[in-house]
Amino acid sequence: MGEIVVFGLGAALAWAGGEGGRVLVASGMGGLTRWIASDRRALRDGVLAVIGGAVAGQYLWPIVLWSLRMEETPDSIAMAAFVAGTMGISGIRIAAAVFEARAAKARDA
């Protein structure tokens, strides 16, 4: 059982040190930066900002890289993930606000 745990930890460290881990950490930090800059400082909002930034950055970094017309290097990918994570949480908040407005409108009708 111990060797399975050691193998799992080794695999997690290898992944975190690779490209996928770098993108996830950079985009999560983008969400954290967005939360720090906002006026909402609840811990729940911070956790959601990091998770939302990580998800948005994981999927949206190619769009940011393309829009900035940069070549695909590990550093530029991490930068694009950070930017996508920072901007992505705003998109998630906008989508949540639209959903809440439509739900309130449907409830009143």
C-alpha atoms as a PDB file:
ATOM      1  CA  MET A   1       0.000   0.000   0.000  1.00  0.00           C
ATOM      2  CA  GLY A   2       2.852   2.382   0.801  1.00  0.00           C
ATOM      3  CA  GLU A   3       4.376   2.073  -2.645  1.00  0.00           C
ATOM      4  CA  ILE A   4       1.036   3.014  -4.229  1.00  0.00           C
ATOM      5  CA  VAL A   5       0.953   6.220  -2.170  1.00  0.00           C
ATOM      6  CA  VAL A   6       4.570   7.034  -3.069  1.00  0.00           C
ATOM      7  CA  PHE A   7       3.849   6.348  -6.746  1.00  0.00           C
ATOM      8  CA  GLY A   8       0.734   8.553  -6.622  1.00  0.00           C
ATOM      9  CA  LEU A   9       2.647  11.404  -4.972  1.00  0.00           C
ATOM     10  CA  GLY A  10       5.441  11.065  -7.511  1.00  0.00           C
ATOM     11  CA  ALA A  11       2.976  11.146 -10.388  1.00  0.00           C
ATOM     12  CA  ALA A  12       1.258  14.222  -8.904  1.00  0.00           C
ATOM     13  CA  LEU A  13       4.586  16.031  -8.530  1.00  0.00           C
ATOM     14  CA  ALA A  14       5.599  15.147 -12.084  1.00  0.00           C
ATOM     15  CA  TRP A  15       2.267  16.447 -13.374  1.00  0.00           C
ATOM     16  CA  ALA A  16       2.496  19.633 -11.311  1.00  0.00           C
ATOM     17  CA  GLY A  17       5.987  20.262 -12.654  1.00  0.00           C
ATOM     18  CA  GLY A  18       4.839  19.741 -16.228  1.00  0.00           C
ATOM     19  CA  GLU A  19       2.891  21.903 -18.631  1.00  0.00           C
ATOM     20  CA  GLY A  20      -0.572  20.999 -17.294  1.00  0.00           C
ATOM     21  CA  GLY A  21       0.367  21.843 -13.723  1.00  0.00           C
ATOM     22  CA  ARG A  22       1.977  25.096 -14.762  1.00  0.00           C
ATOM     23  CA  VAL A  23      -1.168  26.170 -16.627  1.00  0.00           C
ATOM     24  CA  LEU A  24      -3.406  25.178 -13.710  1.00  0.00           C
ATOM     25  CA  VAL A  25      -1.332  27.044 -11.125  1.00  0.00           C
ATOM     26  CA  ALA A  26      -0.925  30.162 -13.296  1.00  0.00           C
ATOM     27  CA  SER A  27      -4.623  30.368 -14.121  1.00  0.00           C
ATOM     28  CA  GLY A  28      -5.608  29.748 -10.491  1.00  0.00           C
ATOM     29  CA  MET A  29      -3.292  32.567  -9.440  1.00  0.00           C
ATOM     30  CA  GLY A  30      -4.985  34.773 -12.035  1.00  0.00           C
ATOM     31  CA  GLY A  31      -8.306  34.084 -10.358  1.00  0.00           C
ATOM     32  CA  LEU A  32      -6.736  34.807  -6.969  1.00  0.00           C
ATOM     33  CA  THR A  33      -5.362  38.106  -8.258  1.00  0.00           C
ATOM     34  CA  ARG A  34      -8.819  39.040  -9.539  1.00  0.00           C
ATOM     35  CA  TRP A  35     -10.308  38.237  -6.120  1.00  0.00           C
ATOM     36  CA  ILE A  36      -7.687  40.303  -4.283  1.00  0.00           C
ATOM     37  CA  ALA A  37      -8.386  43.260  -6.575  1.00  0.00           C
ATOM     38  CA  SER A  38     -12.151  43.018  -6.081  1.00  0.00           C
ATOM     39  CA  ASP A  39     -14.149  44.576  -3.282  1.00  0.00           C
ATOM     40  CA  ARG A  40     -15.653  41.229  -2.232  1.00  0.00           C
ATOM     41  CA  ARG A  41     -13.280  39.670   0.271  1.00  0.00           C
ATOM     42  CA  ALA A  42     -15.253  36.677   1.556  1.00  0.00           C
ATOM     43  CA  LEU A  43     -13.232  33.472   1.710  1.00  0.00           C
ATOM     44  CA  ARG A  44     -15.936  31.631  -0.243  1.00  0.00           C
ATOM     45  CA  ASP A  45     -15.557  34.145  -3.070  1.00  0.00           C
ATOM     46  CA  GLY A  46     -11.795  33.625  -2.998  1.00  0.00           C
ATOM     47  CA  VAL A  47     -12.117  29.859  -3.328  1.00  0.00           C
ATOM     48  CA  LEU A  48     -14.574  30.277  -6.190  1.00  0.00           C
ATOM     49  CA  ALA A  49     -12.246  32.792  -7.858  1.00  0.00           C
ATOM     50  CA  VAL A  50      -9.305  30.380  -7.750  1.00  0.00           C
ATOM     51  CA  ILE A  51     -11.378  27.436  -9.013  1.00  0.00           C
ATOM     52  CA  GLY A  52     -13.094  29.536 -11.680  1.00  0.00           C
ATOM     53  CA  GLY A  53      -9.791  31.033 -12.764  1.00  0.00           C
ATOM     54  CA  ALA A  54      -8.191  27.592 -12.986  1.00  0.00           C
ATOM     55  CA  VAL A  55     -11.025  26.211 -15.092  1.00  0.00           C
ATOM     56  CA  ALA A  56     -11.195  29.256 -17.361  1.00  0.00           C
ATOM     57  CA  GLY A  57      -7.440  29.419 -17.783  1.00  0.00           C
ATOM     58  CA  GLN A  58      -7.171  25.726 -18.576  1.00  0.00           C
ATOM     59  CA  TYR A  59      -9.501  26.087 -21.541  1.00  0.00           C
ATOM     60  CA  LEU A  60      -9.056  29.705 -22.637  1.00  0.00           C
ATOM     61  CA  TRP A  61      -5.270  30.173 -22.689  1.00  0.00           C
ATOM     62  CA  PRO A  62      -5.008  29.308 -26.420  1.00  0.00           C
ATOM     63  CA  ILE A  63      -7.432  32.128 -27.251  1.00  0.00           C
ATOM     64  CA  VAL A  64      -5.419  34.616 -25.197  1.00  0.00           C
ATOM     65  CA  LEU A  65      -2.171  33.439 -26.781  1.00  0.00           C
ATOM     66  CA  TRP A  66      -3.680  33.744 -30.260  1.00  0.00           C
ATOM     67  CA  SER A  67      -5.169  37.182 -29.593  1.00  0.00           C
ATOM     68  CA  LEU A  68      -1.808  38.491 -28.365  1.00  0.00           C
ATOM     69  CA  ARG A  69      -0.114  36.923 -31.408  1.00  0.00           C
ATOM     70  CA  MET A  70       2.589  35.274 -29.333  1.00  0.00           C
ATOM     71  CA  GLU A  71       4.508  32.131 -30.088  1.00  0.00           C
ATOM     72  CA  GLU A  72       3.772  29.057 -27.998  1.00  0.00           C
ATOM     73  CA  THR A  73       6.580  28.802 -25.441  1.00  0.00           C
ATOM     74  CA  PRO A  74       6.177  27.487 -21.877  1.00  0.00           C
ATOM     75  CA  ASP A  75       6.490  30.989 -20.412  1.00  0.00           C
ATOM     76  CA  SER A  76       4.006  32.545 -22.831  1.00  0.00           C
ATOM     77  CA  ILE A  77       1.535  29.703 -22.187  1.00  0.00           C
ATOM     78  CA  ALA A  78       1.759  30.335 -18.431  1.00  0.00           C
ATOM     79  CA  MET A  79       1.278  34.071 -19.004  1.00  0.00           C
ATOM     80  CA  ALA A  80      -1.741  33.436 -21.228  1.00  0.00           C
ATOM     81  CA  ALA A  81      -3.190  31.076 -18.597  1.00  0.00           C
ATOM     82  CA  PHE A  82      -2.750  33.759 -15.928  1.00  0.00           C
ATOM     83  CA  VAL A  83      -4.502  36.354 -18.092  1.00  0.00           C
ATOM     84  CA  ALA A  84      -7.283  33.896 -18.976  1.00  0.00           C
ATOM     85  CA  GLY A  85      -7.709  33.012 -15.290  1.00  0.00           C
ATOM     86  CA  THR A  86      -7.927  36.668 -14.354  1.00  0.00           C
ATOM     87  CA  MET A  87     -10.444  37.457 -17.074  1.00  0.00           C
ATOM     88  CA  GLY A  88     -12.216  34.103 -16.837  1.00  0.00           C
ATOM     89  CA  ILE A  89     -13.612  34.613 -13.351  1.00  0.00           C
ATOM     90  CA  SER A  90     -15.217  37.826 -14.604  1.00  0.00           C
ATOM     91  CA  GLY A  91     -16.885  35.817 -17.355  1.00  0.00           C
ATOM     92  CA  ILE A  92     -18.136  33.284 -14.831  1.00  0.00           C
ATOM     93  CA  ARG A  93     -19.530  36.091 -12.669  1.00  0.00           C
ATOM     94  CA  ILE A  94     -21.270  37.639 -15.676  1.00  0.00           C
ATOM     95  CA  ALA A  95     -22.771  34.272 -16.626  1.00  0.00           C
ATOM     96  CA  ALA A  96     -23.967  33.758 -13.031  1.00  0.00           C
ATOM     97  CA  ALA A  97     -25.557  37.233 -12.972  1.00  0.00           C
ATOM     98  CA  VAL A  98     -27.362  36.556 -16.263  1.00  0.00           C
ATOM     99  CA  PHE A  99     -28.584  33.205 -14.938  1.00  0.00           C
ATOM    100  CA  GLU A 100     -29.820  34.780 -11.691  1.00  0.00           C
ATOM    101  CA  ALA A 101     -31.603  37.573 -13.599  1.00  0.00           C
ATOM    102  CA  ARG A 102     -33.347  35.077 -15.876  1.00  0.00           C
ATOM    103  CA  ALA A 103     -34.322  32.912 -12.913  1.00  0.00           C
ATOM    104  CA  ALA A 104     -35.759  35.942 -11.080  1.00  0.00           C
ATOM    105  CA  LYS A 105     -37.639  36.993 -14.229  1.00  0.00           C
ATOM    106  CA  ALA A 106     -39.056  33.480 -14.679  1.00  0.00           C
ATOM    107  CA  ARG A 107     -40.070  33.367 -11.012  1.00  0.00           C
ATOM    108  CA  ASP A 108     -41.928  36.691 -11.279  1.00  0.00           C
ATOM    109  CA  ALA A 109     -43.746  35.710 -14.480  1.00  0.00           C
END
